[in-house]
Amino acid sequence: MRMVSDLKKLMKIRQMKKYIYIILLMTCILGFQCKEKIKPNEKGRPMMEKVDESGTEFTSQYVCPMHCKGSGSDHPGKCPVCEMDYELNESFKKDSIH
């Protein structure tokens, strides 16, 4: 009788170990999948992608708030891409070439 109960305990322990290994494996897999993929620069800090701000979407007197490609105008209106109202560009220079 005692042997049967010991055998049941042993089987229960093996089953628990199996579940622990499965949970540990899933945690490792998900941990690597969710890790951010940011390339550090020479100093070990994350690099930010540089945006070319020489297009009309940045240099016009009126610009789209979303800076849609090809948007921007010298007068108020709507962006042809996203249809948002143009905003006055605070950094506009009258000498800038489009």
Protein backbone atom coordinates (compact mmCIF):
# COMPACT_ATOMS: atom_id res chain seq x y z
CA MET A 1 0.00 0.00 0.00
CA ARG A 2 2.80 2.36 0.93
CA MET A 3 4.60 1.52 -2.30
CA VAL A 4 1.57 2.54 -4.34
CA SER A 5 1.32 5.93 -2.59
CA ASP A 6 5.09 6.49 -3.05
CA LEU A 7 4.73 5.67 -6.73
CA LYS A 8 1.84 8.14 -7.07
CA LYS A 9 3.92 10.86 -5.37
CA LEU A 10 6.84 10.15 -7.67
CA MET A 11 4.60 10.38 -10.75
CA LYS A 12 3.10 13.62 -9.47
CA ILE A 13 6.59 15.11 -8.94
CA ARG A 14 7.64 14.10 -12.46
CA GLN A 15 4.51 15.67 -13.91
CA MET A 16 5.15 18.92 -11.99
CA LYS A 17 8.76 18.98 -13.24
CA LYS A 18 7.49 18.55 -16.78
CA TYR A 19 5.16 21.55 -16.38
CA ILE A 20 7.93 23.64 -14.83
CA TYR A 21 10.25 22.87 -17.76
CA ILE A 22 7.52 23.76 -20.26
CA ILE A 23 6.81 27.07 -18.50
CA LEU A 24 10.52 27.87 -18.30
CA LEU A 25 10.98 27.12 -22.01
CA MET A 26 7.99 29.28 -23.00
CA THR A 27 9.25 32.15 -20.83
CA CYS A 28 12.66 32.02 -22.53
CA ILE A 29 11.14 31.92 -26.01
CA LEU A 30 8.78 34.84 -25.31
CA GLY A 31 11.54 36.81 -23.62
CA PHE A 32 13.73 36.67 -26.72
CA GLN A 33 10.82 37.41 -29.05
CA CYS A 34 9.76 40.54 -27.15
CA LYS A 35 13.24 41.96 -26.80
CA GLU A 36 13.62 45.33 -28.56
CA LYS A 37 15.97 45.38 -31.50
CA ILE A 38 17.69 48.76 -31.12
CA LYS A 39 21.17 49.21 -32.51
CA PRO A 40 23.40 51.10 -30.09
CA ASN A 41 25.90 53.69 -31.28
CA GLU A 42 29.58 53.83 -30.28
CA LYS A 43 28.71 55.03 -26.78
CA GLY A 44 26.21 52.22 -26.23
CA ARG A 45 23.17 54.50 -26.53
CA PRO A 46 20.29 53.72 -28.92
CA MET A 47 20.56 55.50 -32.27
CA MET A 48 17.68 57.54 -33.62
CA GLU A 49 17.02 57.49 -37.33
CA LYS A 50 17.79 60.82 -38.99
CA VAL A 51 15.00 62.34 -41.07
CA ASP A 52 15.74 64.37 -44.18
CA GLU A 53 14.03 67.69 -43.49
CA SER A 54 14.94 69.37 -46.78
CA GLY A 55 11.70 68.55 -48.64
CA THR A 56 8.69 70.83 -49.08
CA GLU A 57 6.89 68.95 -46.29
CA PHE A 58 9.32 70.62 -43.86
CA THR A 59 10.43 73.85 -45.57
CA SER A 60 7.14 75.35 -46.86
CA GLN A 61 5.37 78.25 -45.18
CA TYR A 62 2.42 75.95 -44.41
CA VAL A 63 3.13 72.31 -43.61
CA CYS A 64 1.12 69.21 -42.83
CA PRO A 65 1.31 68.24 -39.13
CA MET A 66 2.10 64.68 -40.25
CA HIS A 67 4.78 65.87 -42.73
CA CYS A 68 3.33 63.73 -45.51
CA LYS A 69 5.66 63.32 -48.48
CA GLY A 70 5.01 65.93 -51.15
CA SER A 71 2.82 68.11 -48.91
CA GLY A 72 3.46 71.73 -47.99
CA SER A 73 2.35 75.00 -49.52
CA ASP A 74 2.87 78.74 -49.49
CA HIS A 75 -0.77 79.31 -48.55
CA PRO A 76 -3.23 77.70 -46.08
CA GLY A 77 -5.10 74.63 -47.24
CA LYS A 78 -5.36 70.87 -46.77
CA CYS A 79 -2.75 68.16 -47.19
CA PRO A 80 -3.45 66.22 -50.40
CA VAL A 81 -2.35 62.96 -48.75
CA CYS A 82 -4.03 62.87 -45.31
CA GLU A 83 -6.43 65.84 -45.78
CA MET A 84 -5.41 67.50 -42.51
CA ASP A 85 -5.33 71.31 -42.39
CA TYR A 86 -1.93 72.84 -43.02
CA GLU A 87 -0.27 74.57 -40.07
CA LEU A 88 1.91 77.66 -40.19
CA ASN A 89 5.56 76.61 -40.18
CA GLU A 90 7.22 78.53 -37.34
CA SER A 91 10.69 77.87 -38.75
CA PHE A 92 9.82 79.02 -42.30
CA LYS A 93 12.41 81.23 -43.99
CA LYS A 94 11.34 83.31 -46.97
CA ASP A 95 14.75 82.75 -48.57
CA SER A 96 14.41 78.92 -48.50
CA ILE A 97 14.22 77.17 -51.85
CA HIS A 98 11.65 74.39 -52.35
